[in-house]
Amino acid sequence: MKNIFYFLVVISFSKAIAQSDLNQTKNNNPIFKGWYADPEAIIFDKTYWVYPTFSAPYEKQVFFDAFSSKDLVHWTKHEKILDSSAVKWAKKAIWAPSIIKHKNKYFLFFGANDIQNDNEVGGIGVAVASKPEGPYKDYLGKPLVDKFYNGAQPIDQFVFKDKDGQCYLIYGGWRHCNIAKLKPDYTGFIPFEDQTVFKEITPENYVEGPFMFIKNNKYYFMWSEGGWIGPDYCVAYAIADSPMGPFKRIGKILEQDPKIAVGAGHHSIIKIPNSEKYYIVYHRRPLTETHANSRETCMEELHFDENGFIKPVTITNEGVKAQFIK
C-alpha cells in the first residue's frame, strides 16, 4: 500500500509541475513584472538581456534595471545597474538605454534630463561597466550629444554595428532622426566625407524610437509613430541598401489591439544565432490602466514574407515559448 500511495503522490506531483509549466508558457506577456518601457533586447554569451526604461514620472525615473534569461520565459532582475547619482549631469528622466559590447566592456547609451533647447544641460550620455549587469559608471563626464541637430531632440539613442564593424549612433525625437559615425572608443564622432557629423535620415511619419538591423544585406530601419501616451502609438519600418538610406516608409507592423492592450511601440529586435528566428520586444499599456507610465514589456515572434517584408505582428497575452541558444 505504501508503494501505491507513493506512486500516486509522485504522479499527482508530476501533473502539478506539468500544469505549472503549462501555465508559465501559456501567458508569458508581460515577460517580467513591473512598469517598464522602451526595451532594448540583446544577446550576450548565450544569455538574453533586456534593458528597459523604468517607467515612472521623470523625477523618479532616475535608474535602470536590467533583466536576463536563458530561455526568453524565466527572467532574472538586476536592480539599479545604473543610477543617476553616478552621472553628475543627469538630474532626471534617464531612459531608452542602448547597449553594445566592445573589448570586454559594456557601453550603455542613455538619454537624460529631457532637454527642450540647446541651453539646457542634458542629452545622450554613455556609461561603462565590465559586466552586462553593471554597475555602470559615467564614461565621459558629460553628454555625448547635448544639442539639437537637424531638429532632433537628443533622445532615444540606438547603437548600430554595421557589417564592417563601424558603429553608428542613430537617435532622435521631435519627428527627426539623425545618424552619426561613432569613434571606436565611443568618446565622440567621426565626420562623414563631407565633414558633417549628424546626417538626417528621417522617414515619413517618424516620431521616435529608432532601431536598425540587417537581413539578407538589406537595412531594416524601424521607428515608433503616434503619441506615446495615446492608443495610436505603433511601429513602422522601411528598407534600404545602406544605413544612410534613403528610407521610404513601407507601413506599420505593430500596433494596439483594443482587446489586448494599447500604446504598443518603442521596440527592439533580436535574432536567435544560427537560426532565422526573430523576436520583437516592445512595450504596451494594459487595458486596465490609464496612467501614461503604466507600461509593460512584452515579446512576440517576428515573421517575414517571401519578399522579405515584415508581416504585421499580432500582439498576444501568450507571448513566446521557451527558446534556448545553442
C-alpha atoms as a PDB file:
ATOM      1  CA  MET A   1       0.000   0.000   0.000  1.00  0.00           C
ATOM      2  CA  LYS A   2       2.841   2.363   0.811  1.00  0.00           C
ATOM      3  CA  ASN A   3       4.337   1.839  -2.652  1.00  0.00           C
ATOM      4  CA  ILE A   4       0.985   2.511  -4.323  1.00  0.00           C
ATOM      5  CA  PHE A   5       0.465   5.626  -2.203  1.00  0.00           C
ATOM      6  CA  TYR A   6       3.982   6.854  -3.042  1.00  0.00           C
ATOM      7  CA  PHE A   7       3.354   6.200  -6.742  1.00  0.00           C
ATOM      8  CA  LEU A   8       0.098   8.178  -6.663  1.00  0.00           C
ATOM      9  CA  VAL A   9       1.769  11.078  -4.877  1.00  0.00           C
ATOM     10  CA  VAL A  10       4.554  11.168  -7.466  1.00  0.00           C
ATOM     11  CA  ILE A  11       2.050  11.082 -10.335  1.00  0.00           C
ATOM     12  CA  SER A  12      -0.003  13.847  -8.742  1.00  0.00           C
ATOM     13  CA  PHE A  13       3.074  15.969  -8.114  1.00  0.00           C
ATOM     14  CA  SER A  14       4.302  15.441 -11.699  1.00  0.00           C
ATOM     15  CA  LYS A  15       0.933  16.537 -13.065  1.00  0.00           C
ATOM     16  CA  ALA A  16       1.027  19.640 -10.892  1.00  0.00           C
ATOM     17  CA  ILE A  17       4.513  20.502 -12.166  1.00  0.00           C
ATOM     18  CA  ALA A  18       3.418  19.894 -15.750  1.00  0.00           C
ATOM     19  CA  GLN A  19       0.367  22.092 -15.264  1.00  0.00           C
ATOM     20  CA  SER A  20       2.551  24.772 -13.667  1.00  0.00           C
ATOM     21  CA  ASP A  21       4.906  24.693 -16.662  1.00  0.00           C
ATOM     22  CA  LEU A  22       1.893  24.870 -18.982  1.00  0.00           C
ATOM     23  CA  ASN A  23       0.594  27.909 -17.142  1.00  0.00           C
ATOM     24  CA  GLN A  24       4.011  29.544 -17.333  1.00  0.00           C
ATOM     25  CA  THR A  25       4.168  29.089 -21.094  1.00  0.00           C
ATOM     26  CA  LYS A  26       0.528  29.959 -21.740  1.00  0.00           C
ATOM     27  CA  ASN A  27       0.698  33.631 -20.753  1.00  0.00           C
ATOM     28  CA  ASN A  28       4.217  34.995 -20.994  1.00  0.00           C
ATOM     29  CA  ASN A  29       3.308  38.629 -21.657  1.00  0.00           C
ATOM     30  CA  PRO A  30       4.430  40.771 -19.992  1.00  0.00           C
ATOM     31  CA  ILE A  31       7.772  38.981 -19.905  1.00  0.00           C
ATOM     32  CA  PHE A  32       8.548  40.309 -16.407  1.00  0.00           C
ATOM     33  CA  LYS A  33       6.662  42.208 -13.720  1.00  0.00           C
ATOM     34  CA  GLY A  34       6.726  45.956 -13.236  1.00  0.00           C
ATOM     35  CA  TRP A  35       6.240  49.095 -15.268  1.00  0.00           C
ATOM     36  CA  TYR A  36       8.993  49.105 -17.881  1.00  0.00           C
ATOM     37  CA  ALA A  37       9.155  50.635 -21.359  1.00  0.00           C
ATOM     38  CA  ASP A  38      11.469  51.246 -24.355  1.00  0.00           C
ATOM     39  CA  PRO A  39      13.109  47.799 -24.083  1.00  0.00           C
ATOM     40  CA  GLU A  40      16.366  47.039 -25.843  1.00  0.00           C
ATOM     41  CA  ALA A  41      16.924  43.300 -26.186  1.00  0.00           C
ATOM     42  CA  ILE A  42      20.331  41.830 -26.943  1.00  0.00           C
ATOM     43  CA  ILE A  43      22.252  38.566 -26.582  1.00  0.00           C
ATOM     44  CA  PHE A  44      25.492  38.287 -24.610  1.00  0.00           C
ATOM     45  CA  ASP A  45      27.217  34.896 -24.257  1.00  0.00           C
ATOM     46  CA  LYS A  46      24.128  32.727 -24.872  1.00  0.00           C
ATOM     47  CA  THR A  47      22.056  34.816 -22.482  1.00  0.00           C
ATOM     48  CA  TYR A  48      19.196  37.108 -23.422  1.00  0.00           C
ATOM     49  CA  TRP A  49      19.231  40.561 -21.878  1.00  0.00           C
ATOM     50  CA  VAL A  50      16.593  43.293 -21.832  1.00  0.00           C
ATOM     51  CA  TYR A  51      17.455  46.855 -20.849  1.00  0.00           C
ATOM     52  CA  PRO A  52      14.276  48.913 -20.413  1.00  0.00           C
ATOM     53  CA  THR A  53      13.267  52.317 -19.113  1.00  0.00           C
ATOM     54  CA  PHE A  54      11.912  52.291 -15.572  1.00  0.00           C
ATOM     55  CA  SER A  55       8.529  53.788 -16.397  1.00  0.00           C
ATOM     56  CA  ALA A  56       7.736  56.470 -13.816  1.00  0.00           C
ATOM     57  CA  PRO A  57       7.351  60.264 -13.517  1.00  0.00           C
ATOM     58  CA  TYR A  58      10.534  61.980 -14.713  1.00  0.00           C
ATOM     59  CA  GLU A  59      11.686  62.911 -11.208  1.00  0.00           C
ATOM     60  CA  LYS A  60      11.561  59.229 -10.195  1.00  0.00           C
ATOM     61  CA  GLN A  61      12.811  57.811 -13.481  1.00  0.00           C
ATOM     62  CA  VAL A  62      16.429  58.043 -12.373  1.00  0.00           C
ATOM     63  CA  PHE A  63      17.781  54.486 -12.631  1.00  0.00           C
ATOM     64  CA  PHE A  64      17.859  51.419 -14.852  1.00  0.00           C
ATOM     65  CA  ASP A  65      17.103  47.810 -14.025  1.00  0.00           C
ATOM     66  CA  ALA A  66      18.102  45.010 -16.407  1.00  0.00           C
ATOM     67  CA  PHE A  67      16.711  41.516 -16.936  1.00  0.00           C
ATOM     68  CA  SER A  68      18.445  38.329 -18.105  1.00  0.00           C
ATOM     69  CA  SER A  69      17.140  34.971 -19.279  1.00  0.00           C
ATOM     70  CA  LYS A  70      18.382  31.707 -20.752  1.00  0.00           C
ATOM     71  CA  ASP A  71      15.081  30.820 -22.410  1.00  0.00           C
ATOM     72  CA  LEU A  72      13.007  34.012 -23.000  1.00  0.00           C
ATOM     73  CA  VAL A  73      10.479  32.824 -20.405  1.00  0.00           C
ATOM     74  CA  HIS A  74      12.169  32.913 -16.996  1.00  0.00           C
ATOM     75  CA  TRP A  75      13.802  36.266 -16.232  1.00  0.00           C
ATOM     76  CA  THR A  76      16.213  37.423 -13.528  1.00  0.00           C
ATOM     77  CA  LYS A  77      16.062  41.037 -12.393  1.00  0.00           C
ATOM     78  CA  HIS A  78      19.296  43.003 -11.915  1.00  0.00           C
ATOM     79  CA  GLU A  79      18.420  46.070  -9.893  1.00  0.00           C
ATOM     80  CA  LYS A  80      19.764  49.565 -10.430  1.00  0.00           C
ATOM     81  CA  ILE A  81      22.552  48.733 -12.852  1.00  0.00           C
ATOM     82  CA  LEU A  82      22.879  52.497 -13.367  1.00  0.00           C
ATOM     83  CA  ASP A  83      21.673  55.229 -11.040  1.00  0.00           C
ATOM     84  CA  SER A  84      21.693  58.897 -11.980  1.00  0.00           C
ATOM     85  CA  SER A  85      23.780  59.548  -8.860  1.00  0.00           C
ATOM     86  CA  ALA A  86      26.663  58.020 -10.858  1.00  0.00           C
ATOM     87  CA  VAL A  87      26.122  60.595 -13.616  1.00  0.00           C
ATOM     88  CA  LYS A  88      26.634  64.078 -12.174  1.00  0.00           C
ATOM     89  CA  TRP A  89      24.980  65.929 -15.052  1.00  0.00           C
ATOM     90  CA  ALA A  90      21.876  63.683 -15.170  1.00  0.00           C
ATOM     91  CA  LYS A  91      19.219  65.032 -12.812  1.00  0.00           C
ATOM     92  CA  LYS A  92      16.017  63.364 -14.035  1.00  0.00           C
ATOM     93  CA  ALA A  93      14.415  61.209 -16.692  1.00  0.00           C
ATOM     94  CA  ILE A  94      17.018  58.723 -17.838  1.00  0.00           C
ATOM     95  CA  TRP A  95      15.502  56.428 -20.430  1.00  0.00           C
ATOM     96  CA  ALA A  96      15.697  54.305 -23.595  1.00  0.00           C
ATOM     97  CA  PRO A  97      19.015  52.527 -22.900  1.00  0.00           C
ATOM     98  CA  SER A  98      21.006  51.040 -25.769  1.00  0.00           C
ATOM     99  CA  ILE A  99      23.976  48.778 -25.165  1.00  0.00           C
ATOM    100  CA  ILE A 100      26.954  47.371 -27.042  1.00  0.00           C
ATOM    101  CA  LYS A 101      29.918  45.198 -26.042  1.00  0.00           C
ATOM    102  CA  HIS A 102      33.411  46.262 -27.064  1.00  0.00           C
ATOM    103  CA  LYS A 103      36.719  44.771 -25.890  1.00  0.00           C
ATOM    104  CA  ASN A 104      35.148  43.079 -22.844  1.00  0.00           C
ATOM    105  CA  LYS A 105      33.478  46.307 -21.782  1.00  0.00           C
ATOM    106  CA  TYR A 106      29.788  47.120 -21.944  1.00  0.00           C
ATOM    107  CA  PHE A 107      28.801  50.592 -23.100  1.00  0.00           C
ATOM    108  CA  LEU A 108      25.332  51.755 -22.144  1.00  0.00           C
ATOM    109  CA  PHE A 109      23.949  54.757 -24.027  1.00  0.00           C
ATOM    110  CA  PHE A 110      21.042  56.647 -22.470  1.00  0.00           C
ATOM    111  CA  GLY A 111      19.021  59.843 -22.670  1.00  0.00           C
ATOM    112  CA  ALA A 112      18.762  62.172 -19.672  1.00  0.00           C
ATOM    113  CA  ASN A 113      17.025  65.342 -18.486  1.00  0.00           C
ATOM    114  CA  ASP A 114      14.595  65.608 -21.440  1.00  0.00           C
ATOM    115  CA  ILE A 115      16.149  68.867 -22.620  1.00  0.00           C
ATOM    116  CA  GLN A 116      13.910  71.197 -24.602  1.00  0.00           C
ATOM    117  CA  ASN A 117      16.571  73.510 -26.088  1.00  0.00           C
ATOM    118  CA  ASP A 118      20.322  73.942 -26.525  1.00  0.00           C
ATOM    119  CA  ASN A 119      20.663  75.979 -23.342  1.00  0.00           C
ATOM    120  CA  GLU A 120      19.668  73.137 -21.021  1.00  0.00           C
ATOM    121  CA  VAL A 121      22.104  70.563 -19.660  1.00  0.00           C
ATOM    122  CA  GLY A 122      21.438  67.004 -20.777  1.00  0.00           C
ATOM    123  CA  GLY A 123      21.068  64.836 -23.861  1.00  0.00           C
ATOM    124  CA  ILE A 124      22.622  61.484 -24.706  1.00  0.00           C
ATOM    125  CA  GLY A 125      25.173  60.008 -22.321  1.00  0.00           C
ATOM    126  CA  VAL A 126      27.372  56.905 -22.121  1.00  0.00           C
ATOM    127  CA  ALA A 127      28.070  54.660 -19.139  1.00  0.00           C
ATOM    128  CA  VAL A 128      30.508  51.752 -18.953  1.00  0.00           C
ATOM    129  CA  ALA A 129      30.848  48.518 -16.971  1.00  0.00           C
ATOM    130  CA  SER A 130      32.856  45.305 -17.023  1.00  0.00           C
ATOM    131  CA  LYS A 131      29.743  43.084 -16.787  1.00  0.00           C
ATOM    132  CA  PRO A 132      26.373  43.305 -18.554  1.00  0.00           C
ATOM    133  CA  GLU A 133      24.635  43.674 -15.178  1.00  0.00           C
ATOM    134  CA  GLY A 134      26.915  46.533 -14.189  1.00  0.00           C
ATOM    135  CA  PRO A 135      27.320  48.504 -12.080  1.00  0.00           C
ATOM    136  CA  TYR A 136      27.709  51.215 -14.731  1.00  0.00           C
ATOM    137  CA  LYS A 137      29.571  54.485 -14.304  1.00  0.00           C
ATOM    138  CA  ASP A 138      29.564  57.651 -16.360  1.00  0.00           C
ATOM    139  CA  TYR A 139      32.061  57.249 -19.199  1.00  0.00           C
ATOM    140  CA  LEU A 140      32.561  60.815 -20.431  1.00  0.00           C
ATOM    141  CA  GLY A 141      31.595  63.055 -17.506  1.00  0.00           C
ATOM    142  CA  LYS A 142      29.362  64.964 -19.913  1.00  0.00           C
ATOM    143  CA  PRO A 143      26.759  64.192 -22.586  1.00  0.00           C
ATOM    144  CA  LEU A 144      27.901  62.680 -25.870  1.00  0.00           C
ATOM    145  CA  VAL A 145      25.217  64.698 -27.680  1.00  0.00           C
ATOM    146  CA  ASP A 146      23.860  67.790 -25.910  1.00  0.00           C
ATOM    147  CA  LYS A 147      22.395  69.918 -28.707  1.00  0.00           C
ATOM    148  CA  PHE A 148      19.558  69.809 -31.232  1.00  0.00           C
ATOM    149  CA  TYR A 149      20.993  68.939 -34.641  1.00  0.00           C
ATOM    150  CA  ASN A 150      18.690  68.911 -37.685  1.00  0.00           C
ATOM    151  CA  GLY A 151      15.780  69.492 -35.302  1.00  0.00           C
ATOM    152  CA  ALA A 152      16.260  66.164 -33.498  1.00  0.00           C
ATOM    153  CA  GLN A 153      15.875  66.154 -29.728  1.00  0.00           C
ATOM    154  CA  PRO A 154      18.868  64.169 -28.338  1.00  0.00           C
ATOM    155  CA  ILE A 155      16.902  61.170 -27.030  1.00  0.00           C
ATOM    156  CA  ASP A 156      16.020  57.573 -27.995  1.00  0.00           C
ATOM    157  CA  GLN A 157      19.536  56.541 -28.910  1.00  0.00           C
ATOM    158  CA  PHE A 158      20.360  53.269 -30.646  1.00  0.00           C
ATOM    159  CA  VAL A 159      23.856  51.958 -31.358  1.00  0.00           C
ATOM    160  CA  PHE A 160      24.019  50.133 -34.680  1.00  0.00           C
ATOM    161  CA  LYS A 161      27.009  47.987 -35.697  1.00  0.00           C
ATOM    162  CA  ASP A 162      27.423  47.627 -39.436  1.00  0.00           C
ATOM    163  CA  LYS A 163      28.839  44.621 -41.303  1.00  0.00           C
ATOM    164  CA  ASP A 164      32.282  46.257 -41.481  1.00  0.00           C
ATOM    165  CA  GLY A 165      32.393  46.802 -37.718  1.00  0.00           C
ATOM    166  CA  GLN A 166      31.691  50.517 -37.876  1.00  0.00           C
ATOM    167  CA  CYS A 167      29.267  51.653 -35.174  1.00  0.00           C
ATOM    168  CA  TYR A 168      26.720  54.393 -35.654  1.00  0.00           C
ATOM    169  CA  LEU A 169      24.561  56.341 -33.246  1.00  0.00           C
ATOM    170  CA  ILE A 170      21.005  56.586 -34.552  1.00  0.00           C
ATOM    171  CA  TYR A 171      18.756  58.796 -32.455  1.00  0.00           C
ATOM    172  CA  GLY A 172      16.161  61.500 -32.284  1.00  0.00           C
ATOM    173  CA  GLY A 173      12.839  62.748 -31.018  1.00  0.00           C
ATOM    174  CA  TRP A 174      10.561  65.551 -32.147  1.00  0.00           C
ATOM    175  CA  ARG A 175       9.995  63.830 -35.516  1.00  0.00           C
ATOM    176  CA  HIS A 176      13.623  63.995 -36.630  1.00  0.00           C
ATOM    177  CA  CYS A 177      16.181  61.180 -36.771  1.00  0.00           C
ATOM    178  CA  ASN A 178      19.951  61.536 -37.135  1.00  0.00           C
ATOM    179  CA  ILE A 179      22.772  59.119 -37.801  1.00  0.00           C
ATOM    180  CA  ALA A 180      26.395  59.754 -36.774  1.00  0.00           C
ATOM    181  CA  LYS A 181      29.566  57.684 -37.087  1.00  0.00           C
ATOM    182  CA  LEU A 182      30.958  56.778 -33.655  1.00  0.00           C
ATOM    183  CA  LYS A 183      34.650  56.768 -32.836  1.00  0.00           C
ATOM    184  CA  PRO A 184      35.981  53.289 -31.937  1.00  0.00           C
ATOM    185  CA  ASP A 185      36.244  54.280 -28.261  1.00  0.00           C
ATOM    186  CA  TYR A 186      32.768  55.924 -28.198  1.00  0.00           C
ATOM    187  CA  THR A 187      34.158  59.249 -26.987  1.00  0.00           C
ATOM    188  CA  GLY A 188      32.817  61.188 -29.948  1.00  0.00           C
ATOM    189  CA  PHE A 189      32.147  61.083 -33.668  1.00  0.00           C
ATOM    190  CA  ILE A 190      33.985  60.727 -36.968  1.00  0.00           C
ATOM    191  CA  PRO A 191      32.826  63.246 -39.596  1.00  0.00           C
ATOM    192  CA  PHE A 192      31.444  61.923 -42.865  1.00  0.00           C
ATOM    193  CA  GLU A 193      33.284  62.620 -46.125  1.00  0.00           C
ATOM    194  CA  ASP A 194      31.525  65.977 -46.485  1.00  0.00           C
ATOM    195  CA  GLN A 195      32.711  66.867 -42.937  1.00  0.00           C
ATOM    196  CA  THR A 196      29.205  66.841 -41.478  1.00  0.00           C
ATOM    197  CA  VAL A 197      28.753  64.875 -38.239  1.00  0.00           C
ATOM    198  CA  PHE A 198      25.000  64.406 -37.963  1.00  0.00           C
ATOM    199  CA  LYS A 199      23.029  63.375 -41.043  1.00  0.00           C
ATOM    200  CA  GLU A 200      19.258  63.321 -41.045  1.00  0.00           C
ATOM    201  CA  ILE A 201      17.635  60.071 -42.218  1.00  0.00           C
ATOM    202  CA  THR A 202      14.070  60.837 -41.094  1.00  0.00           C
ATOM    203  CA  PRO A 203      11.431  58.742 -42.913  1.00  0.00           C
ATOM    204  CA  GLU A 204       7.793  59.699 -43.360  1.00  0.00           C
ATOM    205  CA  ASN A 205       5.761  59.757 -40.121  1.00  0.00           C
ATOM    206  CA  TYR A 206       8.810  59.171 -37.910  1.00  0.00           C
ATOM    207  CA  VAL A 207       8.342  60.269 -34.297  1.00  0.00           C
ATOM    208  CA  GLU A 208      10.920  58.464 -32.106  1.00  0.00           C
ATOM    209  CA  GLY A 209      12.373  55.112 -31.019  1.00  0.00           C
ATOM    210  CA  PRO A 210      14.668  54.166 -33.953  1.00  0.00           C
ATOM    211  CA  PHE A 211      16.033  50.647 -34.435  1.00  0.00           C
ATOM    212  CA  MET A 212      18.010  49.056 -37.277  1.00  0.00           C
ATOM    213  CA  PHE A 213      19.060  45.542 -38.271  1.00  0.00           C
ATOM    214  CA  ILE A 214      20.426  43.769 -41.341  1.00  0.00           C
ATOM    215  CA  LYS A 215      18.728  40.853 -43.103  1.00  0.00           C
ATOM    216  CA  ASN A 216      19.877  39.479 -46.472  1.00  0.00           C
ATOM    217  CA  ASN A 217      22.154  42.506 -46.915  1.00  0.00           C
ATOM    218  CA  LYS A 218      19.204  44.870 -46.578  1.00  0.00           C
ATOM    219  CA  TYR A 219      18.963  47.521 -43.861  1.00  0.00           C
ATOM    220  CA  TYR A 220      15.673  47.423 -41.985  1.00  0.00           C
ATOM    221  CA  PHE A 221      15.012  50.743 -40.268  1.00  0.00           C
ATOM    222  CA  MET A 222      12.190  50.801 -37.715  1.00  0.00           C
ATOM    223  CA  TRP A 223      10.674  53.530 -35.564  1.00  0.00           C
ATOM    224  CA  SER A 224       7.644  54.499 -33.490  1.00  0.00           C
ATOM    225  CA  GLU A 225       4.800  56.704 -34.670  1.00  0.00           C
ATOM    226  CA  GLY A 226       1.950  58.439 -32.875  1.00  0.00           C
ATOM    227  CA  GLY A 227       1.935  59.728 -29.306  1.00  0.00           C
ATOM    228  CA  TRP A 228       3.472  57.558 -26.601  1.00  0.00           C
ATOM    229  CA  ILE A 229       0.717  58.396 -24.134  1.00  0.00           C
ATOM    230  CA  GLY A 230      -2.069  57.536 -26.573  1.00  0.00           C
ATOM    231  CA  PRO A 231      -3.584  54.409 -28.104  1.00  0.00           C
ATOM    232  CA  ASP A 232      -2.257  55.304 -31.569  1.00  0.00           C
ATOM    233  CA  TYR A 233       1.374  54.507 -30.685  1.00  0.00           C
ATOM    234  CA  CYS A 234       2.756  51.977 -33.179  1.00  0.00           C
ATOM    235  CA  VAL A 235       5.840  50.714 -35.024  1.00  0.00           C
ATOM    236  CA  ALA A 236       6.553  51.209 -38.742  1.00  0.00           C
ATOM    237  CA  TYR A 237       9.545  50.416 -40.937  1.00  0.00           C
ATOM    238  CA  ALA A 238      11.468  50.962 -44.169  1.00  0.00           C
ATOM    239  CA  ILE A 239      14.171  49.058 -46.069  1.00  0.00           C
ATOM    240  CA  ALA A 240      17.287  50.422 -47.783  1.00  0.00           C
ATOM    241  CA  ASP A 241      20.647  49.303 -49.166  1.00  0.00           C
ATOM    242  CA  SER A 242      22.638  51.429 -46.727  1.00  0.00           C
ATOM    243  CA  PRO A 243      22.370  52.607 -43.114  1.00  0.00           C
ATOM    244  CA  MET A 244      22.220  56.104 -44.600  1.00  0.00           C
ATOM    245  CA  GLY A 245      19.054  55.298 -46.512  1.00  0.00           C
ATOM    246  CA  PRO A 246      17.155  56.764 -48.224  1.00  0.00           C
ATOM    247  CA  PHE A 247      14.370  55.169 -46.201  1.00  0.00           C
ATOM    248  CA  LYS A 248      10.913  55.153 -47.784  1.00  0.00           C
ATOM    249  CA  ARG A 249       8.208  54.155 -45.335  1.00  0.00           C
ATOM    250  CA  ILE A 250       6.613  50.759 -46.060  1.00  0.00           C
ATOM    251  CA  GLY A 251       3.997  50.657 -43.322  1.00  0.00           C
ATOM    252  CA  LYS A 252       3.007  49.722 -39.787  1.00  0.00           C
ATOM    253  CA  ILE A 253       3.822  46.289 -38.374  1.00  0.00           C
ATOM    254  CA  LEU A 254       2.959  46.636 -34.666  1.00  0.00           C
ATOM    255  CA  GLU A 255       0.014  48.478 -33.147  1.00  0.00           C
ATOM    256  CA  GLN A 256      -2.627  48.266 -30.454  1.00  0.00           C
ATOM    257  CA  ASP A 257      -5.334  45.635 -30.211  1.00  0.00           C
ATOM    258  CA  PRO A 258      -8.313  47.043 -28.241  1.00  0.00           C
ATOM    259  CA  LYS A 259      -8.962  43.530 -26.937  1.00  0.00           C
ATOM    260  CA  ILE A 260      -5.411  43.056 -25.610  1.00  0.00           C
ATOM    261  CA  ALA A 261      -3.578  46.345 -24.923  1.00  0.00           C
ATOM    262  CA  VAL A 262      -2.984  49.860 -26.262  1.00  0.00           C
ATOM    263  CA  GLY A 263       0.035  52.061 -26.880  1.00  0.00           C
ATOM    264  CA  ALA A 264       2.190  49.313 -28.415  1.00  0.00           C
ATOM    265  CA  GLY A 265       5.551  50.651 -29.544  1.00  0.00           C
ATOM    266  CA  HIS A 266       9.186  51.616 -28.868  1.00  0.00           C
ATOM    267  CA  HIS A 267      10.701  48.242 -29.596  1.00  0.00           C
ATOM    268  CA  SER A 268      13.851  46.310 -30.415  1.00  0.00           C
ATOM    269  CA  ILE A 269      14.592  43.131 -32.369  1.00  0.00           C
ATOM    270  CA  ILE A 270      16.657  40.063 -31.523  1.00  0.00           C
ATOM    271  CA  LYS A 271      17.690  37.258 -33.873  1.00  0.00           C
ATOM    272  CA  ILE A 272      18.470  33.824 -32.469  1.00  0.00           C
ATOM    273  CA  PRO A 273      22.034  32.867 -33.508  1.00  0.00           C
ATOM    274  CA  ASN A 274      22.323  30.188 -36.213  1.00  0.00           C
ATOM    275  CA  SER A 275      18.611  30.391 -36.997  1.00  0.00           C
ATOM    276  CA  GLU A 276      16.073  32.524 -38.811  1.00  0.00           C
ATOM    277  CA  LYS A 277      14.011  33.193 -35.700  1.00  0.00           C
ATOM    278  CA  TYR A 278      13.386  36.851 -34.936  1.00  0.00           C
ATOM    279  CA  TYR A 279      11.577  38.364 -31.956  1.00  0.00           C
ATOM    280  CA  ILE A 280      10.213  41.844 -31.352  1.00  0.00           C
ATOM    281  CA  VAL A 281      10.378  43.207 -27.808  1.00  0.00           C
ATOM    282  CA  TYR A 282       8.158  46.225 -27.127  1.00  0.00           C
ATOM    283  CA  HIS A 283       6.072  47.981 -24.514  1.00  0.00           C
ATOM    284  CA  ARG A 284       2.332  48.419 -24.254  1.00  0.00           C
ATOM    285  CA  ARG A 285      -0.304  49.669 -21.815  1.00  0.00           C
ATOM    286  CA  PRO A 286      -2.782  47.198 -20.264  1.00  0.00           C
ATOM    287  CA  LEU A 287      -6.474  47.876 -20.844  1.00  0.00           C
ATOM    288  CA  THR A 288      -6.949  48.238 -17.089  1.00  0.00           C
ATOM    289  CA  GLU A 289      -4.505  51.169 -16.901  1.00  0.00           C
ATOM    290  CA  THR A 290      -4.954  54.827 -17.794  1.00  0.00           C
ATOM    291  CA  HIS A 291      -1.762  56.344 -16.369  1.00  0.00           C
ATOM    292  CA  ALA A 292       0.806  57.230 -19.035  1.00  0.00           C
ATOM    293  CA  ASN A 293       3.623  55.415 -17.228  1.00  0.00           C
ATOM    294  CA  SER A 294       1.744  52.148 -16.732  1.00  0.00           C
ATOM    295  CA  ARG A 295       3.678  50.374 -19.446  1.00  0.00           C
ATOM    296  CA  GLU A 296       4.880  46.775 -19.523  1.00  0.00           C
ATOM    297  CA  THR A 297       7.431  44.922 -21.626  1.00  0.00           C
ATOM    298  CA  CYS A 298       6.190  42.193 -23.969  1.00  0.00           C
ATOM    299  CA  MET A 299       7.530  39.955 -26.736  1.00  0.00           C
ATOM    300  CA  GLU A 300       6.221  38.335 -29.918  1.00  0.00           C
ATOM    301  CA  GLU A 301       7.787  36.367 -32.750  1.00  0.00           C
ATOM    302  CA  LEU A 302       8.514  38.368 -35.905  1.00  0.00           C
ATOM    303  CA  HIS A 303       7.800  36.871 -39.336  1.00  0.00           C
ATOM    304  CA  PHE A 304       8.723  37.832 -42.909  1.00  0.00           C
ATOM    305  CA  ASP A 305       7.046  37.046 -46.228  1.00  0.00           C
ATOM    306  CA  GLU A 306       8.768  35.545 -49.262  1.00  0.00           C
ATOM    307  CA  ASN A 307       9.842  39.010 -50.436  1.00  0.00           C
ATOM    308  CA  GLY A 308      11.460  39.950 -47.151  1.00  0.00           C
ATOM    309  CA  PHE A 309       8.716  42.288 -45.974  1.00  0.00           C
ATOM    310  CA  ILE A 310       7.774  42.159 -42.295  1.00  0.00           C
ATOM    311  CA  LYS A 311       4.375  40.634 -41.615  1.00  0.00           C
ATOM    312  CA  PRO A 312       2.074  42.520 -39.231  1.00  0.00           C
ATOM    313  CA  VAL A 313       2.589  41.399 -35.643  1.00  0.00           C
ATOM    314  CA  THR A 314      -0.330  40.085 -33.623  1.00  0.00           C
ATOM    315  CA  ILE A 315       0.058  41.201 -30.026  1.00  0.00           C
ATOM    316  CA  THR A 316      -0.867  38.479 -27.543  1.00  0.00           C
ATOM    317  CA  ASN A 317      -1.031  37.572 -23.891  1.00  0.00           C
ATOM    318  CA  GLU A 318       0.665  34.261 -24.675  1.00  0.00           C
ATOM    319  CA  GLY A 319       3.906  35.845 -25.894  1.00  0.00           C
ATOM    320  CA  VAL A 320       6.641  33.428 -26.927  1.00  0.00           C
ATOM    321  CA  LYS A 321       7.639  29.900 -25.970  1.00  0.00           C
ATOM    322  CA  ALA A 322      10.941  28.928 -24.392  1.00  0.00           C
ATOM    323  CA  GLN A 323      13.872  29.327 -26.781  1.00  0.00           C
ATOM    324  CA  PHE A 324      17.381  28.358 -25.700  1.00  0.00           C
ATOM    325  CA  ILE A 325      20.504  29.498 -27.525  1.00  0.00           C
ATOM    326  CA  LYS A 326      22.520  26.557 -28.795  1.00  0.00           C
END
